[in-house]
Amino acid sequence: MSPVLWRQGLLIVITLAIAYVASHFFRAANVTIGLDLMRDLHIGPQALGALTGAFFFGFSAMQIPCGFFFDHYGPRRTVVGMLLLAAVGGVVFTLAPNWAMLLTGRALMGAGFGVMLIGSMVVISRWYPPDRFSTFSSLVMSIGLIGNLAATTPLAWGAQAFGWRPVFAVAVAFTFLAAIAVWLVVRDAPPGHPFLDRRAESPREMLRGFGAVLRSPRLPGILLMNFCNYACIFTVQGLWGGPFLREAHGLSYIEAGNVLLAAVVAYQLGVLVFGPLDRVLNTRKWISVGGTLVIAAILAILAFLGQPPAWFAIAAIIAIGFFSPSGAMIMTHGRAIFPDRLIGRGMATMNTFVMLGVACMQTLSGIILGEFTLLADGTRSELAYRSLFGVLCVVLLLAVSIYATVPDIRPSDELSARAAKG
């Protein structure tokens, strides 16, 4: 690839990553304003868990259709259309007078933002060689995490000063602008790429391709890990981490936001560490396995160590943030099992399980915490949170024990196969 095309591809990837910021902001916002939503709408943890999970149910519902759209229409048109749907969902959420409308808006946002990461990965796979996939995917995730940063202390400040609705209105406007930028900048593939001269598949051929994806013998273990890994991490980092710090350890609104902000910064550092690590260690699977086991160990300590000091709980939340990017190698591992013509459908299938796992775990987490009687001051006990962390630990250990049996696809294997093709 010429330097000019390399730079054009980089601009395209950065544009998609900036649009991805909105997805991270909206999906993570409930961890900061969750207690406010429960207070303002008079709902309990079950309803908050369902509200948070609605984003991911909407997200999951659009994965398979968008996989077809990516392979048929291309990521540019697909991403722009779905960003506009997400913006409409943001408007509904921002103006919603009741829980049902919030739920509707959140589901629409999830459906719209569901294309962002996979669309970016499809573009990366067509603009850059396979050995650069994890590096550029990590770049997208790293920039996208600015949305998580904005959903911590900045959102807490804005919500205290103006209320959460005006802050969300600004985020909706950003989403509309991101859709325009994607339309103007992004191109599906570099000149001469086979995708640009593809023959449009018939509906039957498209379904047959989806069947080929599902028949991959390595896929089930990868799908299970996709279902469990991010779901458990997001349950802590994206929903209950903030309430845990505030209710079990007495941190203030802003203090909890600062811890979550530090966790996102730790995630950013983790992206820089884990992103190129597959080329350094020549493995993908074992990076995911190792990082997941560390997170499971942290959750086990939180579950079984009675009343740890606040500093330890804070350190645990931040450490989970640092090791979380190891899970991105699961997607890189999975991408390697699909040919180019099936990348859209293959990546969408994997991401369906990621987001279904998150949706189910958010709902389950609300049910678990809802089983515990509130304390006299209306807060949840530390035991309630410890029980949740114990469940998350067990889920991760079961998933990683099965995923560890899936054969690895090393970067060197892909380079050798590419060289053999000439």
Protein backbone atom coordinates (compact mmCIF):
# COMPACT_ATOMS: atom_id res chain seq x y z
CA MET A 1 0.00 0.00 0.00
CA SER A 2 1.30 3.44 -0.93
CA PRO A 3 1.93 6.06 1.78
CA VAL A 4 -0.95 8.15 0.39
CA LEU A 5 -3.43 5.28 0.74
CA TRP A 6 -2.01 4.43 4.18
CA ARG A 7 -2.68 7.99 5.35
CA GLN A 8 -6.15 7.99 3.79
CA GLY A 9 -6.94 4.75 5.57
CA LEU A 10 -5.72 6.22 8.86
CA LEU A 11 -7.99 9.27 8.42
CA ILE A 12 -10.92 6.95 7.73
CA VAL A 13 -10.19 4.85 10.82
CA ILE A 14 -9.85 7.95 13.03
CA THR A 15 -13.15 9.34 11.70
CA LEU A 16 -14.94 6.10 12.56
CA ALA A 17 -13.25 6.07 15.97
CA ILE A 18 -14.44 9.61 16.72
CA ALA A 19 -17.99 8.58 15.82
CA TYR A 20 -17.53 5.59 18.14
CA VAL A 21 -17.07 8.05 21.02
CA ALA A 22 -20.84 8.65 21.09
CA SER A 23 -21.55 4.93 21.42
CA HIS A 24 -19.28 4.61 24.45
CA PHE A 25 -20.76 7.70 26.10
CA PHE A 26 -24.37 6.58 25.85
CA ARG A 27 -23.72 2.96 26.78
CA ALA A 28 -21.67 3.89 29.89
CA ALA A 29 -23.68 6.89 31.11
CA ASN A 30 -25.89 4.86 33.45
CA VAL A 31 -22.95 3.98 35.70
CA THR A 32 -22.71 7.69 36.59
CA ILE A 33 -26.36 8.79 36.54
CA GLY A 34 -27.90 5.44 37.55
CA LEU A 35 -28.82 6.52 41.07
CA ASP A 36 -30.28 9.75 39.66
CA LEU A 37 -32.44 7.80 37.22
CA MET A 38 -33.66 5.55 40.04
CA ARG A 39 -34.48 8.60 42.14
CA ASP A 40 -36.07 10.72 39.39
CA LEU A 41 -38.17 7.95 37.88
CA HIS A 42 -38.82 6.09 41.17
CA ILE A 43 -37.45 2.80 39.84
CA GLY A 44 -35.46 0.02 41.50
CA PRO A 45 -32.28 -1.83 40.50
CA GLN A 46 -34.25 -4.33 38.40
CA ALA A 47 -35.69 -1.51 36.28
CA LEU A 48 -32.29 0.18 36.00
CA GLY A 49 -30.71 -3.11 34.95
CA ALA A 50 -33.43 -3.56 32.32
CA LEU A 51 -32.95 0.03 31.14
CA THR A 52 -29.21 -0.49 30.78
CA GLY A 53 -29.73 -3.88 29.15
CA ALA A 54 -32.15 -2.40 26.59
CA PHE A 55 -29.22 -0.69 24.88
CA PHE A 56 -27.56 -4.05 24.38
CA PHE A 57 -30.70 -5.92 23.34
CA GLY A 58 -31.19 -3.27 20.64
CA PHE A 59 -27.49 -3.54 19.83
CA SER A 60 -27.72 -7.33 19.50
CA ALA A 61 -30.88 -7.28 17.40
CA MET A 62 -29.15 -5.33 14.63
CA GLN A 63 -25.91 -7.30 14.44
CA ILE A 64 -26.94 -10.00 11.96
CA PRO A 65 -28.88 -7.61 9.66
CA CYS A 66 -25.95 -5.21 9.69
CA GLY A 67 -23.57 -8.05 8.89
CA PHE A 68 -25.53 -8.53 5.67
CA PHE A 69 -25.57 -4.76 5.09
CA PHE A 70 -21.79 -4.55 5.51
CA ASP A 71 -21.17 -7.27 2.94
CA HIS A 72 -23.88 -6.05 0.53
CA TYR A 73 -24.02 -2.23 0.79
CA GLY A 74 -20.68 -1.54 2.47
CA PRO A 75 -19.85 -0.09 5.89
CA ARG A 76 -20.04 3.58 4.87
CA ARG A 77 -23.74 3.65 4.01
CA THR A 78 -24.59 1.23 6.80
CA VAL A 79 -22.79 3.20 9.51
CA VAL A 80 -24.29 6.55 8.45
CA GLY A 81 -27.84 5.20 8.40
CA MET A 82 -27.49 3.55 11.79
CA LEU A 83 -25.85 6.59 13.38
CA LEU A 84 -28.92 8.60 12.38
CA LEU A 85 -31.12 5.96 14.03
CA ALA A 86 -28.99 6.22 17.19
CA ALA A 87 -29.40 10.00 17.18
CA VAL A 88 -33.18 9.62 16.96
CA GLY A 89 -33.01 7.25 19.94
CA GLY A 90 -30.96 9.84 21.79
CA VAL A 91 -33.64 12.46 21.17
CA VAL A 92 -36.33 10.09 22.49
CA PHE A 93 -34.25 9.31 25.59
CA THR A 94 -33.44 12.95 26.29
CA LEU A 95 -37.07 14.08 26.05
CA ALA A 96 -38.62 10.99 27.66
CA PRO A 97 -41.15 11.76 30.42
CA ASN A 98 -41.26 8.22 31.83
CA TRP A 99 -39.38 4.94 32.13
CA ALA A 100 -41.07 3.33 29.10
CA MET A 101 -39.91 6.12 26.79
CA LEU A 102 -36.41 5.98 28.29
CA LEU A 103 -36.41 2.25 27.55
CA THR A 104 -37.52 2.87 23.95
CA GLY A 105 -34.90 5.55 23.39
CA ARG A 106 -32.16 3.42 24.89
CA ALA A 107 -33.08 0.43 22.71
CA LEU A 108 -33.02 2.63 19.58
CA MET A 109 -29.61 4.00 20.57
CA GLY A 110 -28.31 0.47 21.03
CA ALA A 111 -29.64 -0.59 17.63
CA GLY A 112 -28.02 2.39 15.95
CA PHE A 113 -24.67 2.25 17.67
CA GLY A 114 -24.49 -1.51 17.16
CA VAL A 115 -22.67 -1.06 13.85
CA MET A 116 -19.84 1.17 15.00
CA LEU A 117 -17.14 -1.22 16.19
CA ILE A 118 -17.81 -3.93 13.63
CA GLY A 119 -18.10 -1.38 10.82
CA SER A 120 -14.71 -0.02 11.82
CA MET A 121 -13.21 -3.51 11.93
CA VAL A 122 -14.59 -4.36 8.48
CA VAL A 123 -13.02 -1.18 7.09
CA ILE A 124 -9.71 -1.94 8.81
CA SER A 125 -9.67 -5.49 7.41
CA ARG A 126 -10.03 -4.08 3.88
CA TRP A 127 -7.57 -1.19 4.17
CA TYR A 128 -4.74 -2.88 6.09
CA PRO A 129 -2.96 -6.28 6.22
CA PRO A 130 -4.09 -8.86 8.84
CA ASP A 131 -1.07 -8.38 11.11
CA ARG A 132 -2.12 -4.74 11.64
CA PHE A 133 -5.73 -5.56 12.49
CA SER A 134 -5.38 -5.65 16.27
CA THR A 135 -3.29 -2.46 16.31
CA PHE A 136 -5.82 -0.41 14.35
CA SER A 137 -8.76 -2.02 16.17
CA SER A 138 -7.11 -0.99 19.43
CA LEU A 139 -6.76 2.54 18.06
CA VAL A 140 -10.51 2.66 17.39
CA MET A 141 -11.29 1.39 20.88
CA SER A 142 -8.81 3.75 22.48
CA ILE A 143 -10.29 6.84 20.80
CA GLY A 144 -13.82 5.57 21.39
CA LEU A 145 -13.09 5.39 25.09
CA ILE A 146 -13.10 9.17 25.19
CA GLY A 147 -16.85 8.59 25.39
CA ASN A 148 -16.34 6.56 28.55
CA LEU A 149 -14.19 9.34 29.95
CA ALA A 150 -16.94 11.85 29.20
CA ALA A 151 -19.46 9.57 30.92
CA THR A 152 -17.59 9.70 34.24
CA THR A 153 -16.55 12.88 36.05
CA PRO A 154 -17.55 15.28 33.20
CA LEU A 155 -21.05 13.79 33.12
CA ALA A 156 -21.24 13.93 36.91
CA TRP A 157 -20.28 17.61 36.86
CA GLY A 158 -22.69 18.40 34.04
CA ALA A 159 -25.55 16.47 35.63
CA GLN A 160 -25.04 18.27 38.94
CA ALA A 161 -24.81 21.69 37.29
CA PHE A 162 -27.45 21.43 34.55
CA GLY A 163 -29.18 18.07 34.88
CA TRP A 164 -28.50 15.01 32.78
CA ARG A 165 -30.94 15.89 29.98
CA PRO A 166 -29.06 18.98 28.68
CA VAL A 167 -25.83 16.99 28.71
CA PHE A 168 -27.49 14.25 26.68
CA ALA A 169 -28.79 16.84 24.20
CA VAL A 170 -25.20 17.88 23.47
CA ALA A 171 -24.23 14.23 22.96
CA VAL A 172 -27.12 13.78 20.51
CA ALA A 173 -25.92 16.77 18.47
CA PHE A 174 -22.44 15.24 18.41
CA THR A 175 -23.93 12.02 17.01
CA PHE A 176 -25.63 13.87 14.13
CA LEU A 177 -22.34 15.60 13.28
CA ALA A 178 -20.49 12.26 13.42
CA ALA A 179 -22.88 10.79 10.84
CA ILE A 180 -22.11 13.67 8.48
CA ALA A 181 -18.35 13.22 8.98
CA VAL A 182 -18.53 9.49 8.23
CA TRP A 183 -20.43 10.15 5.00
CA LEU A 184 -17.86 12.71 3.85
CA VAL A 185 -14.65 10.88 4.82
CA VAL A 186 -15.13 7.11 4.95
CA ARG A 187 -14.62 4.83 1.94
CA ASP A 188 -15.40 1.12 2.06
CA ALA A 189 -12.10 -0.11 0.62
CA PRO A 190 -8.97 1.19 -1.14
CA PRO A 191 -8.92 1.44 -4.95
CA GLY A 192 -8.58 -1.95 -6.62
CA HIS A 193 -9.92 -3.93 -3.67
CA PRO A 194 -12.13 -6.89 -4.72
CA PHE A 195 -15.00 -5.57 -2.57
CA LEU A 196 -15.45 -2.62 -4.94
CA ASP A 197 -15.93 -4.96 -7.93
CA ARG A 198 -17.96 -7.57 -6.09
CA ARG A 199 -21.01 -9.21 -7.58
CA ALA A 200 -24.05 -8.51 -5.46
CA GLU A 201 -25.13 -11.67 -3.67
CA SER A 202 -28.70 -12.87 -3.84
CA PRO A 203 -30.62 -13.23 -0.56
CA ARG A 204 -30.17 -17.00 -0.78
CA GLU A 205 -26.39 -16.65 -1.23
CA MET A 206 -26.23 -14.22 1.68
CA LEU A 207 -28.03 -16.70 3.94
CA ARG A 208 -25.76 -19.47 2.72
CA GLY A 209 -22.76 -17.36 3.69
CA PHE A 210 -24.23 -16.90 7.15
CA GLY A 211 -24.58 -20.68 7.38
CA ALA A 212 -20.91 -21.03 6.48
CA VAL A 213 -20.06 -18.68 9.34
CA LEU A 214 -22.03 -20.74 11.85
CA ARG A 215 -20.46 -24.01 10.67
CA SER A 216 -16.95 -22.91 11.59
CA PRO A 217 -15.69 -25.54 14.09
CA ARG A 218 -13.74 -22.96 16.11
CA LEU A 219 -16.65 -20.58 16.49
CA PRO A 220 -18.66 -22.01 19.47
CA GLY A 221 -15.90 -21.55 22.05
CA ILE A 222 -15.15 -18.06 20.76
CA LEU A 223 -18.85 -17.14 20.89
CA LEU A 224 -19.14 -18.34 24.49
CA MET A 225 -16.15 -16.23 25.51
CA ASN A 226 -17.62 -13.27 23.63
CA PHE A 227 -20.91 -13.76 25.48
CA CYS A 228 -19.34 -13.79 28.95
CA ASN A 229 -16.16 -11.69 28.93
CA TYR A 230 -17.32 -8.17 28.13
CA ALA A 231 -20.67 -8.79 29.86
CA CYS A 232 -19.00 -9.35 33.22
CA ILE A 233 -16.56 -6.47 32.77
CA PHE A 234 -19.24 -4.00 31.71
CA THR A 235 -21.48 -5.01 34.62
CA VAL A 236 -18.79 -3.57 36.89
CA GLN A 237 -17.37 -0.77 34.76
CA GLY A 238 -20.56 0.31 33.02
CA LEU A 239 -23.35 -0.13 35.57
CA TRP A 240 -22.66 -1.10 39.19
CA GLY A 241 -19.09 0.10 39.79
CA GLY A 242 -20.23 3.64 40.60
CA PRO A 243 -23.12 2.65 42.89
CA PHE A 244 -20.83 0.10 44.60
CA LEU A 245 -18.28 2.78 45.44
CA ARG A 246 -20.95 5.21 46.61
CA GLU A 247 -23.13 2.80 48.60
CA ALA A 248 -20.62 0.27 49.96
CA HIS A 249 -17.68 2.63 50.51
CA GLY A 250 -19.25 6.04 50.99
CA LEU A 251 -17.66 7.86 48.06
CA SER A 252 -19.37 11.01 46.84
CA TYR A 253 -20.87 11.47 43.38
CA ILE A 254 -17.73 13.22 42.09
CA GLU A 255 -15.32 10.89 43.92
CA ALA A 256 -16.94 7.82 42.36
CA GLY A 257 -16.86 9.57 38.99
CA ASN A 258 -13.14 10.22 39.44
CA VAL A 259 -12.51 6.53 40.13
CA LEU A 260 -14.44 5.55 37.02
CA LEU A 261 -12.47 8.15 35.09
CA ALA A 262 -9.24 6.59 36.35
CA ALA A 263 -10.54 3.16 35.31
CA VAL A 264 -11.13 4.43 31.77
CA VAL A 265 -7.63 5.93 31.69
CA ALA A 266 -6.32 2.55 32.86
CA TYR A 267 -8.29 0.95 30.03
CA GLN A 268 -6.63 3.34 27.59
CA LEU A 269 -3.22 2.31 28.90
CA GLY A 270 -4.28 -1.32 28.64
CA VAL A 271 -5.20 -0.80 25.00
CA LEU A 272 -1.70 0.51 24.31
CA VAL A 273 -0.18 -2.50 26.08
CA PHE A 274 -2.43 -5.28 24.78
CA GLY A 275 -3.06 -3.89 21.26
CA PRO A 276 0.28 -4.92 19.70
CA LEU A 277 0.95 -7.76 22.13
CA ASP A 278 -0.26 -10.47 19.74
CA ARG A 279 2.57 -9.66 17.32
CA VAL A 280 5.08 -9.56 20.19
CA LEU A 281 4.03 -12.86 21.80
CA ASN A 282 2.69 -14.47 18.59
CA THR A 283 -0.57 -15.51 20.23
CA ARG A 284 -4.08 -14.16 20.62
CA LYS A 285 -5.92 -16.77 22.62
CA TRP A 286 -3.51 -16.87 25.54
CA ILE A 287 -3.50 -13.09 25.89
CA SER A 288 -7.29 -13.23 26.29
CA VAL A 289 -7.10 -16.16 28.67
CA GLY A 290 -4.46 -14.52 30.87
CA GLY A 291 -6.23 -11.17 31.09
CA THR A 292 -9.57 -12.80 31.85
CA LEU A 293 -8.09 -14.90 34.65
CA VAL A 294 -6.62 -11.78 36.27
CA ILE A 295 -10.03 -10.07 36.16
CA ALA A 296 -11.69 -13.19 37.61
CA ALA A 297 -9.14 -13.18 40.44
CA ILE A 298 -9.91 -9.53 41.23
CA LEU A 299 -13.64 -10.26 41.31
CA ALA A 300 -13.03 -13.27 43.56
CA ILE A 301 -11.14 -11.10 46.04
CA LEU A 302 -13.94 -8.50 46.04
CA ALA A 303 -16.49 -11.27 46.56
CA PHE A 304 -14.79 -13.15 49.37
CA LEU A 305 -12.79 -10.46 51.19
CA GLY A 306 -15.21 -9.07 53.73
CA GLN A 307 -15.33 -5.27 54.01
CA PRO A 308 -12.07 -4.38 52.23
CA PRO A 309 -10.84 -0.81 52.71
CA ALA A 310 -12.03 1.77 50.21
CA TRP A 311 -8.57 2.08 48.66
CA PHE A 312 -8.63 -1.60 47.75
CA ALA A 313 -12.05 -1.37 46.11
CA ILE A 314 -10.85 1.66 44.15
CA ALA A 315 -7.68 -0.15 43.06
CA ALA A 316 -9.73 -3.19 42.01
CA ILE A 317 -12.04 -1.14 39.78
CA ILE A 318 -9.03 0.55 38.14
CA ALA A 319 -7.17 -2.76 37.69
CA ILE A 320 -10.18 -4.31 35.96
CA GLY A 321 -10.09 -1.35 33.60
CA PHE A 322 -6.43 -1.99 32.75
CA PHE A 323 -6.83 -5.70 32.01
CA SER A 324 -10.14 -5.40 30.13
CA PRO A 325 -8.55 -4.73 26.67
CA SER A 326 -7.11 -8.24 26.70
CA GLY A 327 -10.62 -9.32 25.72
CA ALA A 328 -10.28 -7.54 22.38
CA MET A 329 -8.03 -10.40 21.30
CA ILE A 330 -11.10 -12.65 21.31
CA MET A 331 -12.50 -10.66 18.38
CA THR A 332 -9.11 -10.65 16.63
CA HIS A 333 -8.90 -14.41 17.12
CA GLY A 334 -12.40 -14.82 15.71
CA ARG A 335 -11.84 -12.54 12.72
CA ALA A 336 -8.98 -14.76 11.58
CA ILE A 337 -11.29 -17.74 10.96
CA PHE A 338 -13.37 -15.97 8.28
CA PRO A 339 -12.54 -15.26 4.60
CA ASP A 340 -12.86 -11.66 3.38
CA ARG A 341 -16.27 -12.13 1.78
CA LEU A 342 -17.72 -13.28 5.12
CA ILE A 343 -15.99 -10.79 7.41
CA GLY A 344 -19.07 -8.59 7.85
CA ARG A 345 -21.33 -11.50 8.75
CA GLY A 346 -18.66 -13.23 10.84
CA MET A 347 -17.80 -10.16 12.91
CA ALA A 348 -21.48 -9.31 13.32
CA THR A 349 -22.21 -12.82 14.58
CA MET A 350 -19.48 -12.55 17.20
CA ASN A 351 -20.59 -9.10 18.27
CA THR A 352 -24.17 -10.34 18.58
CA PHE A 353 -23.02 -12.67 21.33
CA VAL A 354 -20.95 -9.93 22.97
CA MET A 355 -23.94 -7.64 23.28
CA LEU A 356 -26.47 -10.36 24.09
CA GLY A 357 -24.19 -11.31 26.95
CA VAL A 358 -24.09 -7.73 28.21
CA ALA A 359 -27.86 -7.36 27.91
CA CYS A 360 -28.52 -10.58 29.80
CA MET A 361 -25.93 -9.83 32.48
CA GLN A 362 -27.30 -6.32 33.11
CA THR A 363 -30.75 -7.78 33.64
CA LEU A 364 -29.42 -10.62 35.81
CA SER A 365 -27.32 -8.22 37.89
CA GLY A 366 -30.39 -6.12 38.66
CA ILE A 367 -32.26 -9.24 39.75
CA ILE A 368 -29.37 -10.34 42.00
CA LEU A 369 -29.10 -6.98 43.75
CA GLY A 370 -32.87 -6.69 43.95
CA GLU A 371 -33.01 -9.85 46.06
CA PHE A 372 -31.29 -8.05 48.95
CA THR A 373 -33.27 -5.86 51.33
CA LEU A 374 -32.29 -2.20 51.30
CA LEU A 375 -30.60 -0.78 54.36
CA ALA A 376 -32.34 1.80 56.55
CA ASP A 377 -30.84 4.67 54.52
CA GLY A 378 -32.15 3.21 51.25
CA THR A 379 -28.79 1.90 50.00
CA ARG A 380 -27.71 -1.63 49.14
CA SER A 381 -25.43 -3.59 51.45
CA GLU A 382 -21.86 -4.57 50.67
CA LEU A 383 -23.00 -8.21 50.81
CA ALA A 384 -25.31 -7.59 47.85
CA TYR A 385 -22.41 -6.34 45.75
CA ARG A 386 -20.13 -9.14 46.95
CA SER A 387 -22.71 -11.68 45.80
CA LEU A 388 -22.82 -10.05 42.37
CA PHE A 389 -19.03 -10.10 42.07
CA GLY A 390 -18.98 -13.78 43.02
CA VAL A 391 -21.44 -14.65 40.24
CA LEU A 392 -19.38 -12.68 37.71
CA CYS A 393 -16.22 -14.50 38.78
CA VAL A 394 -17.80 -17.94 38.31
CA VAL A 395 -19.17 -17.00 34.87
CA LEU A 396 -15.73 -15.84 33.70
CA LEU A 397 -13.99 -18.97 34.96
CA LEU A 398 -16.48 -21.27 33.20
CA ALA A 399 -16.15 -19.35 29.94
CA VAL A 400 -12.36 -19.23 29.93
CA SER A 401 -12.07 -22.95 30.73
CA ILE A 402 -13.98 -23.77 27.52
CA TYR A 403 -12.37 -21.06 25.38
CA ALA A 404 -8.90 -22.33 26.32
CA THR A 405 -9.60 -25.50 24.30
CA VAL A 406 -10.12 -23.56 21.02
CA PRO A 407 -7.07 -23.74 18.70
CA ASP A 408 -5.16 -20.47 18.48
CA ILE A 409 -4.55 -18.61 15.18
CA ARG A 410 -1.23 -16.86 15.54
CA PRO A 411 -0.21 -13.75 13.60
CA SER A 412 2.67 -15.75 12.11
CA ASP A 413 0.17 -18.30 10.78
CA GLU A 414 -1.71 -15.56 8.92
CA LEU A 415 1.47 -14.06 7.49
CA SER A 416 2.59 -17.47 6.25
CA ALA A 417 -0.79 -18.11 4.62
CA ARG A 418 -0.71 -14.71 2.96
CA ALA A 419 2.81 -15.28 1.64
CA ALA A 420 1.78 -18.66 0.25
CA LYS A 421 -1.00 -16.99 -1.73
CA GLY A 422 1.57 -14.61 -3.20
